[in-house]
Amino acid sequence: MRNQVSQVMTQNNAAPPADDAEPDSPGQPQGLTLDLDVRDPRWHLLEDDLRQQANFIWAQLDPKTLMPEAEACLVLADDAQLAQMNQSFRNKAGPTNVLSFPALDFVAPVRCAQDLAALPFALLGDIVMSYDRLQAEAQVQGKTERAHALHLLTHGLLHLLGYDHENEPDANLMEGLESELLLAAGLPNPYDELAQAETEQ
């Protein structure tokens, strides 16, 4: 794959993982509701950061117009669970760091609030992340687990919004927006780090 930092794989029309979680903040709409399904307790320290990053991304997608209400599920798991899903949905052995299961089939990637105007409520889909992969990759890449987790979440959420990296133009579009969002959040550009790491090898 072109993107060696985060191996988010989109599996359209696949049955997403079971989600029994209730919305985190019932009541007034808060833009993007991120329902957390924590299956590995090591994720607990990052829960608030992940919620804040999801809200930040949603607001940054269209700074001029309020984004409509939407919901996504984030399953926080481990290598064993990601390996099982990877085999079941992609017929690939072994774990990956994150899997993305879009619920909507966008004709083009979502760029602004207007792209979702026809939907009264957008149920975006599911993102599943492995703490074991997160921990190992953060160590290899010389970054904090928090920074890498927020990067993977950002990448996975963009997949739910129709972005992909199957070809060079699509990859450039996705990576450009991903880098822009991370820099706006005060995080380093992961693709600059990847290029530097490859040069030093």
N, C-alpha and C. Protein backbone atom coordinates (compact mmCIF):
# COMPACT_ATOMS: atom_id res chain seq x y z
N MET A 1 0.82 -1.21 0.00
CA MET A 1 0.00 0.00 0.00
C MET A 1 0.85 1.25 0.00
N ARG A 2 0.31 2.33 -0.56
CA ARG A 2 1.04 3.59 -0.57
C ARG A 2 1.18 4.14 0.83
N ASN A 3 0.13 4.03 1.62
CA ASN A 3 0.16 4.60 2.96
C ASN A 3 0.67 3.57 3.94
N GLN A 4 1.94 3.68 4.32
CA GLN A 4 2.54 2.72 5.21
C GLN A 4 2.33 3.06 6.67
N VAL A 5 1.95 4.30 6.95
CA VAL A 5 1.77 4.70 8.34
C VAL A 5 0.49 4.10 8.90
N SER A 6 -0.60 4.24 8.19
CA SER A 6 -1.88 3.73 8.67
C SER A 6 -2.54 2.92 7.59
N GLN A 7 -2.84 1.68 7.91
CA GLN A 7 -3.33 0.74 6.92
C GLN A 7 -4.84 0.64 7.01
N VAL A 8 -5.53 1.78 6.94
CA VAL A 8 -6.98 1.77 7.00
C VAL A 8 -7.49 1.15 5.72
N MET A 9 -8.35 0.14 5.85
CA MET A 9 -8.90 -0.53 4.70
C MET A 9 -10.41 -0.35 4.69
N THR A 10 -10.93 0.12 3.59
CA THR A 10 -12.36 0.32 3.47
C THR A 10 -13.01 -0.94 2.93
N GLN A 11 -14.05 -1.41 3.60
CA GLN A 11 -14.77 -2.59 3.17
C GLN A 11 -16.23 -2.23 3.01
N ASN A 12 -16.63 -1.76 1.82
CA ASN A 12 -18.00 -1.37 1.59
C ASN A 12 -18.92 -2.59 1.60
N ASN A 13 -20.13 -2.36 2.08
CA ASN A 13 -21.17 -3.39 2.11
C ASN A 13 -20.80 -4.57 2.98
N ALA A 14 -19.87 -4.41 3.90
CA ALA A 14 -19.54 -5.48 4.84
C ALA A 14 -20.30 -5.21 6.13
N ALA A 15 -20.67 -6.29 6.81
CA ALA A 15 -21.38 -6.13 8.07
C ALA A 15 -20.44 -5.57 9.11
N PRO A 16 -20.75 -4.43 9.72
CA PRO A 16 -19.86 -3.83 10.71
C PRO A 16 -19.91 -4.61 12.00
N PRO A 17 -18.94 -4.40 12.89
CA PRO A 17 -18.95 -5.07 14.17
C PRO A 17 -20.17 -4.69 14.99
N ALA A 18 -20.57 -5.59 15.85
CA ALA A 18 -21.74 -5.33 16.68
C ALA A 18 -21.50 -4.11 17.54
N ASP A 19 -22.50 -3.26 17.65
CA ASP A 19 -22.37 -2.05 18.44
C ASP A 19 -23.54 -1.95 19.39
N ASP A 20 -23.28 -2.26 20.65
CA ASP A 20 -24.31 -2.17 21.68
C ASP A 20 -24.17 -0.91 22.50
N ALA A 21 -23.20 -0.06 22.11
CA ALA A 21 -22.94 1.14 22.91
C ALA A 21 -24.05 2.15 22.72
N GLU A 22 -24.38 2.83 23.80
CA GLU A 22 -25.34 3.92 23.75
C GLU A 22 -24.61 5.20 23.42
N PRO A 23 -25.26 6.19 22.81
CA PRO A 23 -24.59 7.47 22.54
C PRO A 23 -23.98 8.04 23.80
N ASP A 24 -22.79 8.63 23.66
CA ASP A 24 -22.06 9.12 24.81
C ASP A 24 -22.76 10.31 25.46
N SER A 25 -23.39 11.14 24.66
CA SER A 25 -23.98 12.37 25.19
C SER A 25 -25.38 12.56 24.64
N PRO A 26 -26.35 11.81 25.14
CA PRO A 26 -27.71 11.98 24.66
C PRO A 26 -28.23 13.36 25.02
N GLY A 27 -29.20 13.82 24.25
CA GLY A 27 -29.77 15.14 24.51
C GLY A 27 -29.60 16.01 23.30
N GLN A 28 -28.99 17.16 23.46
CA GLN A 28 -28.85 18.09 22.36
C GLN A 28 -27.80 17.59 21.37
N PRO A 29 -28.04 17.78 20.06
CA PRO A 29 -27.07 17.38 19.05
C PRO A 29 -25.74 18.09 19.26
N GLN A 30 -24.65 17.38 19.02
CA GLN A 30 -23.33 17.96 19.22
C GLN A 30 -22.49 17.82 17.96
N GLY A 31 -23.12 17.89 16.78
CA GLY A 31 -22.37 17.75 15.56
C GLY A 31 -22.10 16.29 15.27
N LEU A 32 -20.88 15.87 15.55
CA LEU A 32 -20.51 14.47 15.35
C LEU A 32 -20.50 13.75 16.70
N THR A 33 -21.36 12.77 16.85
CA THR A 33 -21.38 11.93 18.04
C THR A 33 -20.49 10.72 17.79
N LEU A 34 -19.49 10.53 18.61
CA LEU A 34 -18.59 9.40 18.49
C LEU A 34 -18.92 8.40 19.59
N ASP A 35 -19.56 7.29 19.21
CA ASP A 35 -19.90 6.24 20.17
C ASP A 35 -18.70 5.32 20.35
N LEU A 36 -18.22 5.22 21.58
CA LEU A 36 -17.05 4.40 21.87
C LEU A 36 -17.46 3.02 22.37
N ASP A 37 -16.88 2.00 21.77
CA ASP A 37 -17.05 0.62 22.20
C ASP A 37 -15.66 0.13 22.62
N VAL A 38 -15.35 0.25 23.91
CA VAL A 38 -14.01 -0.04 24.41
C VAL A 38 -13.90 -1.52 24.78
N ARG A 39 -13.10 -2.24 24.01
CA ARG A 39 -12.94 -3.67 24.21
C ARG A 39 -11.57 -4.03 24.77
N ASP A 40 -10.74 -3.02 24.96
CA ASP A 40 -9.42 -3.21 25.58
C ASP A 40 -9.22 -2.04 26.54
N PRO A 41 -9.04 -2.31 27.84
CA PRO A 41 -8.97 -1.24 28.84
C PRO A 41 -7.79 -0.30 28.66
N ARG A 42 -6.78 -0.69 27.91
CA ARG A 42 -5.63 0.19 27.70
C ARG A 42 -6.00 1.47 26.95
N TRP A 43 -7.15 1.47 26.29
CA TRP A 43 -7.60 2.64 25.55
C TRP A 43 -8.20 3.73 26.44
N HIS A 44 -8.51 3.42 27.68
CA HIS A 44 -9.28 4.37 28.50
C HIS A 44 -8.63 5.74 28.61
N LEU A 45 -7.32 5.79 28.70
CA LEU A 45 -6.63 7.07 28.88
C LEU A 45 -6.73 7.96 27.63
N LEU A 46 -7.07 7.38 26.49
CA LEU A 46 -7.14 8.15 25.24
C LEU A 46 -8.57 8.49 24.82
N GLU A 47 -9.55 8.06 25.58
CA GLU A 47 -10.95 8.23 25.18
C GLU A 47 -11.30 9.71 24.96
N ASP A 48 -10.98 10.56 25.91
CA ASP A 48 -11.34 11.98 25.80
C ASP A 48 -10.63 12.63 24.61
N ASP A 49 -9.36 12.29 24.41
CA ASP A 49 -8.61 12.85 23.29
C ASP A 49 -9.24 12.45 21.96
N LEU A 50 -9.68 11.22 21.86
CA LEU A 50 -10.29 10.74 20.62
C LEU A 50 -11.61 11.45 20.34
N ARG A 51 -12.42 11.63 21.38
CA ARG A 51 -13.68 12.36 21.21
C ARG A 51 -13.41 13.81 20.77
N GLN A 52 -12.46 14.44 21.40
CA GLN A 52 -12.14 15.83 21.07
C GLN A 52 -11.63 15.95 19.63
N GLN A 53 -10.82 15.00 19.21
CA GLN A 53 -10.30 15.03 17.84
C GLN A 53 -11.43 14.84 16.82
N ALA A 54 -12.36 13.96 17.10
CA ALA A 54 -13.49 13.75 16.20
C ALA A 54 -14.31 15.03 16.05
N ASN A 55 -14.58 15.70 17.15
CA ASN A 55 -15.32 16.96 17.11
C ASN A 55 -14.54 18.05 16.38
N PHE A 56 -13.24 18.06 16.60
CA PHE A 56 -12.38 19.06 15.94
C PHE A 56 -12.41 18.86 14.42
N ILE A 57 -12.26 17.62 13.98
CA ILE A 57 -12.29 17.31 12.55
C ILE A 57 -13.62 17.75 11.94
N TRP A 58 -14.71 17.44 12.64
CA TRP A 58 -16.03 17.76 12.11
C TRP A 58 -16.20 19.26 11.93
N ALA A 59 -15.71 20.03 12.88
CA ALA A 59 -15.80 21.49 12.79
C ALA A 59 -14.88 22.05 11.71
N GLN A 60 -13.70 21.45 11.55
CA GLN A 60 -12.72 21.95 10.60
C GLN A 60 -13.06 21.63 9.15
N LEU A 61 -13.89 20.62 8.92
CA LEU A 61 -14.23 20.26 7.55
C LEU A 61 -14.89 21.41 6.81
N ASP A 62 -15.67 22.20 7.53
CA ASP A 62 -16.32 23.37 6.92
C ASP A 62 -16.38 24.48 7.96
N PRO A 63 -15.30 25.26 8.10
CA PRO A 63 -15.27 26.31 9.12
C PRO A 63 -16.34 27.39 8.94
N LYS A 64 -16.87 27.55 7.71
CA LYS A 64 -17.83 28.62 7.44
C LYS A 64 -19.27 28.22 7.72
N THR A 65 -19.55 26.93 7.72
CA THR A 65 -20.92 26.45 7.89
C THR A 65 -20.96 25.33 8.91
N LEU A 66 -21.96 25.36 9.78
CA LEU A 66 -22.10 24.32 10.78
C LEU A 66 -22.37 22.98 10.12
N MET A 67 -21.55 21.98 10.41
CA MET A 67 -21.76 20.65 9.86
C MET A 67 -23.01 20.02 10.47
N PRO A 68 -23.76 19.22 9.70
CA PRO A 68 -24.98 18.62 10.23
C PRO A 68 -24.68 17.55 11.28
N GLU A 69 -25.71 17.17 11.98
CA GLU A 69 -25.57 16.13 13.00
C GLU A 69 -25.20 14.81 12.33
N ALA A 70 -24.28 14.08 12.94
CA ALA A 70 -23.84 12.80 12.40
C ALA A 70 -23.37 11.91 13.55
N GLU A 71 -23.15 10.66 13.23
CA GLU A 71 -22.73 9.70 14.24
C GLU A 71 -21.78 8.68 13.62
N ALA A 72 -20.78 8.28 14.39
CA ALA A 72 -19.87 7.21 14.00
C ALA A 72 -19.55 6.39 15.24
N CYS A 73 -19.22 5.14 15.02
CA CYS A 73 -18.83 4.25 16.12
C CYS A 73 -17.35 3.98 16.04
N LEU A 74 -16.66 4.09 17.16
CA LEU A 74 -15.23 3.78 17.24
C LEU A 74 -15.05 2.60 18.18
N VAL A 75 -14.61 1.48 17.64
CA VAL A 75 -14.35 0.27 18.42
C VAL A 75 -12.87 0.24 18.77
N LEU A 76 -12.56 0.24 20.05
CA LEU A 76 -11.19 0.27 20.53
C LEU A 76 -10.81 -1.12 21.02
N ALA A 77 -10.01 -1.81 20.22
CA ALA A 77 -9.77 -3.23 20.44
C ALA A 77 -8.28 -3.52 20.49
N ASP A 78 -7.91 -4.77 20.14
CA ASP A 78 -6.52 -5.20 20.19
C ASP A 78 -6.19 -6.00 18.93
N ASP A 79 -4.97 -6.52 18.86
CA ASP A 79 -4.53 -7.24 17.67
C ASP A 79 -5.38 -8.47 17.37
N ALA A 80 -5.75 -9.20 18.41
CA ALA A 80 -6.51 -10.44 18.20
C ALA A 80 -7.85 -10.15 17.52
N GLN A 81 -8.52 -9.10 17.97
CA GLN A 81 -9.82 -8.76 17.38
C GLN A 81 -9.67 -8.20 15.98
N LEU A 82 -8.62 -7.38 15.74
CA LEU A 82 -8.40 -6.85 14.39
C LEU A 82 -8.00 -7.95 13.43
N ALA A 83 -7.23 -8.94 13.90
CA ALA A 83 -6.86 -10.07 13.04
C ALA A 83 -8.09 -10.86 12.62
N GLN A 84 -9.01 -11.05 13.55
CA GLN A 84 -10.23 -11.78 13.24
C GLN A 84 -11.07 -11.03 12.21
N MET A 85 -11.22 -9.72 12.39
CA MET A 85 -11.98 -8.92 11.44
C MET A 85 -11.28 -8.85 10.08
N ASN A 86 -9.97 -8.71 10.10
CA ASN A 86 -9.20 -8.64 8.87
C ASN A 86 -9.40 -9.91 8.04
N GLN A 87 -9.42 -11.04 8.70
CA GLN A 87 -9.64 -12.31 8.02
C GLN A 87 -11.08 -12.42 7.53
N SER A 88 -12.03 -12.03 8.36
CA SER A 88 -13.44 -12.19 8.03
C SER A 88 -13.87 -11.27 6.89
N PHE A 89 -13.44 -10.00 6.93
CA PHE A 89 -13.94 -9.02 5.97
C PHE A 89 -13.03 -8.79 4.77
N ARG A 90 -11.73 -9.12 4.92
CA ARG A 90 -10.80 -8.84 3.83
C ARG A 90 -10.04 -10.07 3.37
N ASN A 91 -10.25 -11.19 4.07
CA ASN A 91 -9.56 -12.44 3.74
C ASN A 91 -8.04 -12.26 3.79
N LYS A 92 -7.60 -11.50 4.78
CA LYS A 92 -6.16 -11.27 4.98
C LYS A 92 -5.78 -11.74 6.38
N ALA A 93 -4.65 -12.43 6.47
CA ALA A 93 -4.20 -12.96 7.75
C ALA A 93 -3.48 -11.88 8.55
N GLY A 94 -3.63 -11.94 9.87
CA GLY A 94 -2.92 -11.04 10.76
C GLY A 94 -3.66 -9.75 11.02
N PRO A 95 -3.22 -9.03 12.05
CA PRO A 95 -3.89 -7.77 12.43
C PRO A 95 -3.43 -6.61 11.57
N THR A 96 -4.20 -5.55 11.59
CA THR A 96 -3.82 -4.27 11.03
C THR A 96 -4.14 -3.22 12.09
N ASN A 97 -3.67 -2.01 11.91
CA ASN A 97 -3.86 -1.03 12.99
C ASN A 97 -5.29 -0.51 13.07
N VAL A 98 -5.96 -0.38 11.92
CA VAL A 98 -7.31 0.18 11.92
C VAL A 98 -8.06 -0.28 10.68
N LEU A 99 -9.34 -0.55 10.87
CA LEU A 99 -10.24 -0.90 9.78
C LEU A 99 -11.38 0.09 9.75
N SER A 100 -11.87 0.38 8.55
CA SER A 100 -12.94 1.35 8.39
C SER A 100 -14.10 0.69 7.64
N PHE A 101 -15.32 0.88 8.17
CA PHE A 101 -16.53 0.29 7.59
C PHE A 101 -17.55 1.40 7.30
N PRO A 102 -17.48 2.01 6.13
CA PRO A 102 -18.43 3.09 5.80
C PRO A 102 -19.86 2.58 5.71
N ALA A 103 -20.78 3.36 6.21
CA ALA A 103 -22.21 3.03 6.11
C ALA A 103 -22.85 3.71 4.90
N LEU A 104 -22.18 4.73 4.36
CA LEU A 104 -22.71 5.49 3.23
C LEU A 104 -21.77 5.37 2.03
N ASP A 105 -22.35 5.33 0.85
CA ASP A 105 -21.56 5.23 -0.37
C ASP A 105 -21.61 6.57 -1.09
N PHE A 106 -20.63 7.42 -0.81
CA PHE A 106 -20.60 8.76 -1.39
C PHE A 106 -20.10 8.72 -2.83
N VAL A 107 -20.72 9.50 -3.70
CA VAL A 107 -20.27 9.60 -5.08
C VAL A 107 -18.91 10.28 -5.14
N ALA A 108 -18.72 11.26 -4.26
CA ALA A 108 -17.46 11.98 -4.15
C ALA A 108 -17.20 12.24 -2.67
N PRO A 109 -15.94 12.42 -2.29
CA PRO A 109 -15.64 12.67 -0.88
C PRO A 109 -16.35 13.91 -0.34
N VAL A 110 -16.75 13.85 0.91
CA VAL A 110 -17.40 14.98 1.57
C VAL A 110 -16.37 16.08 1.84
N ARG A 111 -16.65 17.28 1.30
CA ARG A 111 -15.73 18.41 1.47
C ARG A 111 -16.29 19.51 2.35
N CYS A 112 -17.63 19.55 2.49
CA CYS A 112 -18.24 20.65 3.25
C CYS A 112 -19.63 20.22 3.70
N ALA A 113 -20.28 21.08 4.48
CA ALA A 113 -21.60 20.78 5.02
C ALA A 113 -22.63 20.54 3.92
N GLN A 114 -22.50 21.26 2.80
CA GLN A 114 -23.46 21.14 1.71
C GLN A 114 -23.51 19.71 1.15
N ASP A 115 -22.40 19.00 1.21
CA ASP A 115 -22.34 17.63 0.68
C ASP A 115 -23.19 16.66 1.49
N LEU A 116 -23.57 17.07 2.71
CA LEU A 116 -24.41 16.22 3.55
C LEU A 116 -25.80 16.82 3.74
N ALA A 117 -26.11 17.87 3.00
CA ALA A 117 -27.35 18.62 3.23
C ALA A 117 -28.59 17.76 2.98
N ALA A 118 -28.49 16.78 2.10
CA ALA A 118 -29.66 15.95 1.77
C ALA A 118 -29.96 14.91 2.84
N LEU A 119 -29.05 14.75 3.77
CA LEU A 119 -29.24 13.74 4.82
C LEU A 119 -29.71 14.40 6.11
N PRO A 120 -30.89 14.02 6.63
CA PRO A 120 -31.34 14.60 7.91
C PRO A 120 -30.44 14.18 9.07
N PHE A 121 -29.83 13.02 8.93
CA PHE A 121 -28.91 12.52 9.95
C PHE A 121 -27.96 11.55 9.27
N ALA A 122 -26.66 11.74 9.44
CA ALA A 122 -25.66 10.91 8.77
C ALA A 122 -25.08 9.89 9.74
N LEU A 123 -25.43 8.63 9.53
CA LEU A 123 -24.80 7.53 10.25
C LEU A 123 -23.62 7.09 9.40
N LEU A 124 -22.42 7.49 9.80
CA LEU A 124 -21.25 7.38 8.93
C LEU A 124 -20.68 5.97 8.84
N GLY A 125 -20.72 5.20 9.93
CA GLY A 125 -20.17 3.87 9.91
C GLY A 125 -19.29 3.61 11.12
N ASP A 126 -18.39 2.64 10.99
CA ASP A 126 -17.57 2.18 12.11
C ASP A 126 -16.09 2.23 11.79
N ILE A 127 -15.31 2.55 12.82
CA ILE A 127 -13.85 2.50 12.75
C ILE A 127 -13.41 1.56 13.88
N VAL A 128 -12.47 0.67 13.57
CA VAL A 128 -11.97 -0.28 14.57
C VAL A 128 -10.46 -0.13 14.65
N MET A 129 -9.93 0.05 15.86
CA MET A 129 -8.50 0.29 16.02
C MET A 129 -7.89 -0.71 17.02
N SER A 130 -6.63 -1.08 16.77
CA SER A 130 -5.90 -2.01 17.64
C SER A 130 -4.89 -1.26 18.49
N TYR A 131 -4.97 -1.45 19.79
CA TYR A 131 -4.00 -0.79 20.68
C TYR A 131 -2.60 -1.38 20.51
N ASP A 132 -2.52 -2.69 20.26
CA ASP A 132 -1.21 -3.31 20.09
C ASP A 132 -0.47 -2.72 18.90
N ARG A 133 -1.16 -2.56 17.76
CA ARG A 133 -0.55 -1.95 16.57
C ARG A 133 -0.20 -0.49 16.85
N LEU A 134 -1.10 0.21 17.51
CA LEU A 134 -0.87 1.62 17.85
C LEU A 134 0.42 1.76 18.65
N GLN A 135 0.57 0.95 19.67
CA GLN A 135 1.72 1.02 20.56
C GLN A 135 3.02 0.71 19.82
N ALA A 136 3.00 -0.35 19.02
CA ALA A 136 4.21 -0.77 18.31
C ALA A 136 4.61 0.26 17.25
N GLU A 137 3.64 0.77 16.50
CA GLU A 137 3.94 1.73 15.44
C GLU A 137 4.40 3.07 16.01
N ALA A 138 3.80 3.49 17.11
CA ALA A 138 4.22 4.75 17.73
C ALA A 138 5.68 4.67 18.18
N GLN A 139 6.06 3.53 18.70
CA GLN A 139 7.44 3.35 19.15
C GLN A 139 8.41 3.38 17.97
N VAL A 140 8.07 2.68 16.90
CA VAL A 140 8.93 2.64 15.72
C VAL A 140 9.06 4.03 15.09
N GLN A 141 7.95 4.76 15.06
CA GLN A 141 7.93 6.07 14.41
C GLN A 141 8.38 7.21 15.32
N GLY A 142 8.68 6.90 16.57
CA GLY A 142 9.18 7.91 17.49
C GLY A 142 8.17 8.97 17.84
N LYS A 143 6.90 8.59 18.00
CA LYS A 143 5.87 9.55 18.36
C LYS A 143 5.10 9.03 19.57
N THR A 144 4.29 9.86 20.17
CA THR A 144 3.49 9.43 21.30
C THR A 144 2.32 8.58 20.83
N GLU A 145 1.82 7.74 21.72
CA GLU A 145 0.65 6.94 21.38
C GLU A 145 -0.55 7.84 21.12
N ARG A 146 -0.65 8.93 21.85
CA ARG A 146 -1.75 9.88 21.63
C ARG A 146 -1.72 10.43 20.21
N ALA A 147 -0.54 10.91 19.77
CA ALA A 147 -0.42 11.49 18.43
C ALA A 147 -0.77 10.48 17.35
N HIS A 148 -0.32 9.25 17.53
CA HIS A 148 -0.59 8.22 16.52
C HIS A 148 -2.06 7.83 16.53
N ALA A 149 -2.65 7.77 17.71
CA ALA A 149 -4.08 7.42 17.81
C ALA A 149 -4.93 8.48 17.11
N LEU A 150 -4.61 9.75 17.29
CA LEU A 150 -5.38 10.82 16.67
C LEU A 150 -5.19 10.81 15.15
N HIS A 151 -3.99 10.43 14.71
CA HIS A 151 -3.77 10.29 13.27
C HIS A 151 -4.62 9.16 12.69
N LEU A 152 -4.61 8.01 13.33
CA LEU A 152 -5.39 6.87 12.82
C LEU A 152 -6.88 7.17 12.82
N LEU A 153 -7.35 7.84 13.87
CA LEU A 153 -8.76 8.22 13.91
C LEU A 153 -9.10 9.17 12.76
N THR A 154 -8.25 10.15 12.53
CA THR A 154 -8.47 11.10 11.45
C THR A 154 -8.53 10.39 10.10
N HIS A 155 -7.59 9.49 9.88
CA HIS A 155 -7.54 8.73 8.63
C HIS A 155 -8.79 7.88 8.47
N GLY A 156 -9.17 7.20 9.54
CA GLY A 156 -10.36 6.34 9.48
C GLY A 156 -11.63 7.12 9.24
N LEU A 157 -11.76 8.29 9.88
CA LEU A 157 -12.95 9.10 9.70
C LEU A 157 -13.05 9.63 8.27
N LEU A 158 -11.92 9.99 7.67
CA LEU A 158 -11.95 10.43 6.28
C LEU A 158 -12.40 9.31 5.35
N HIS A 159 -12.03 8.08 5.67
CA HIS A 159 -12.53 6.95 4.88
C HIS A 159 -14.05 6.87 4.97
N LEU A 160 -14.61 7.11 6.13
CA LEU A 160 -16.07 7.07 6.28
C LEU A 160 -16.73 8.17 5.45
N LEU A 161 -15.99 9.21 5.15
CA LEU A 161 -16.53 10.35 4.39
C LEU A 161 -16.22 10.23 2.90
N GLY A 162 -15.77 9.07 2.46
CA GLY A 162 -15.59 8.82 1.04
C GLY A 162 -14.19 9.01 0.50
N TYR A 163 -13.23 9.33 1.34
CA TYR A 163 -11.85 9.49 0.89
C TYR A 163 -11.16 8.13 0.82
N ASP A 164 -10.19 8.03 -0.10
CA ASP A 164 -9.45 6.77 -0.23
C ASP A 164 -8.09 7.06 -0.84
N HIS A 165 -7.27 6.01 -0.96
CA HIS A 165 -5.94 6.18 -1.54
C HIS A 165 -5.62 5.02 -2.47
N GLU A 166 -6.62 4.66 -3.30
CA GLU A 166 -6.44 3.56 -4.24
C GLU A 166 -5.61 3.98 -5.46
N ASN A 167 -5.56 5.26 -5.74
CA ASN A 167 -4.73 5.75 -6.84
C ASN A 167 -4.05 7.05 -6.41
N GLU A 168 -3.11 7.52 -7.21
CA GLU A 168 -2.29 8.67 -6.83
C GLU A 168 -3.10 9.94 -6.58
N PRO A 169 -4.01 10.32 -7.48
CA PRO A 169 -4.79 11.55 -7.22
C PRO A 169 -5.63 11.46 -5.96
N ASP A 170 -6.29 10.31 -5.75
CA ASP A 170 -7.11 10.15 -4.54
C ASP A 170 -6.25 10.18 -3.29
N ALA A 171 -5.08 9.53 -3.37
CA ALA A 171 -4.18 9.52 -2.22
C ALA A 171 -3.68 10.91 -1.88
N ASN A 172 -3.34 11.69 -2.92
CA ASN A 172 -2.87 13.06 -2.69
C ASN A 172 -3.95 13.92 -2.05
N LEU A 173 -5.20 13.76 -2.51
CA LEU A 173 -6.31 14.51 -1.94
C LEU A 173 -6.52 14.15 -0.47
N MET A 174 -6.53 12.86 -0.18
CA MET A 174 -6.78 12.41 1.18
C MET A 174 -5.65 12.79 2.11
N GLU A 175 -4.42 12.54 1.68
CA GLU A 175 -3.28 12.84 2.54
C GLU A 175 -3.12 14.34 2.76
N GLY A 176 -3.47 15.14 1.74
CA GLY A 176 -3.39 16.58 1.91
C GLY A 176 -4.35 17.08 2.97
N LEU A 177 -5.61 16.61 2.91
CA LEU A 177 -6.60 17.03 3.91
C LEU A 177 -6.24 16.47 5.28
N GLU A 178 -5.79 15.23 5.30
CA GLU A 178 -5.40 14.60 6.57
C GLU A 178 -4.29 15.40 7.25
N SER A 179 -3.27 15.76 6.49
CA SER A 179 -2.16 16.53 7.03
C SER A 179 -2.62 17.90 7.51
N GLU A 180 -3.51 18.53 6.73
CA GLU A 180 -4.04 19.85 7.09
C GLU A 180 -4.79 19.79 8.41
N LEU A 181 -5.62 18.76 8.58
CA LEU A 181 -6.39 18.61 9.82
C LEU A 181 -5.48 18.36 11.02
N LEU A 182 -4.48 17.54 10.84
CA LEU A 182 -3.57 17.22 11.94
C LEU A 182 -2.73 18.43 12.33
N LEU A 183 -2.25 19.16 11.34
CA LEU A 183 -1.48 20.37 11.64
C LEU A 183 -2.33 21.40 12.35
N ALA A 184 -3.60 21.52 11.95
CA ALA A 184 -4.51 22.46 12.61
C ALA A 184 -4.76 22.07 14.06
N ALA A 185 -4.66 20.77 14.34
CA ALA A 185 -4.85 20.28 15.70
C ALA A 185 -3.55 20.32 16.51
N GLY A 186 -2.49 20.86 15.91
CA GLY A 186 -1.21 20.95 16.62
C GLY A 186 -0.41 19.67 16.60
N LEU A 187 -0.71 18.80 15.64
CA LEU A 187 0.00 17.52 15.53
C LEU A 187 0.91 17.55 14.30
N PRO A 188 2.00 16.78 14.30
CA PRO A 188 2.92 16.78 13.16
C PRO A 188 2.30 16.11 11.94
N ASN A 189 2.83 16.46 10.78
CA ASN A 189 2.42 15.84 9.53
C ASN A 189 2.99 14.42 9.48
N PRO A 190 2.17 13.38 9.54
CA PRO A 190 2.70 12.01 9.60
C PRO A 190 3.41 11.60 8.32
N TYR A 191 3.07 12.20 7.20
CA TYR A 191 3.70 11.82 5.94
C TYR A 191 5.09 12.41 5.80
N ASP A 192 5.33 13.56 6.41
CA ASP A 192 6.69 14.09 6.49
C ASP A 192 7.55 13.17 7.33
N GLU A 193 6.99 12.67 8.43
CA GLU A 193 7.72 11.76 9.30
C GLU A 193 8.03 10.46 8.60
N LEU A 194 7.07 9.96 7.81
CA LEU A 194 7.28 8.71 7.09
C LEU A 194 8.38 8.86 6.06
N ALA A 195 8.36 9.97 5.32
CA ALA A 195 9.39 10.20 4.31
C ALA A 195 10.77 10.29 4.95
N GLN A 196 10.85 10.94 6.11
CA GLN A 196 12.13 11.06 6.81
C GLN A 196 12.62 9.71 7.27
N ALA A 197 11.70 8.88 7.81
CA ALA A 197 12.08 7.56 8.29
C ALA A 197 12.58 6.68 7.16
N GLU A 198 11.94 6.77 5.97
CA GLU A 198 12.37 5.98 4.82
C GLU A 198 13.73 6.42 4.33
N THR A 199 14.01 7.75 4.41
CA THR A 199 15.30 8.27 3.98
C THR A 199 16.43 7.79 4.89
N GLU A 200 16.11 7.69 6.18
CA GLU A 200 17.13 7.31 7.15
C GLU A 200 17.41 5.81 7.16
N GLN A 201 16.55 5.02 6.55
CA GLN A 201 16.76 3.56 6.54
C GLN A 201 17.88 3.18 5.57
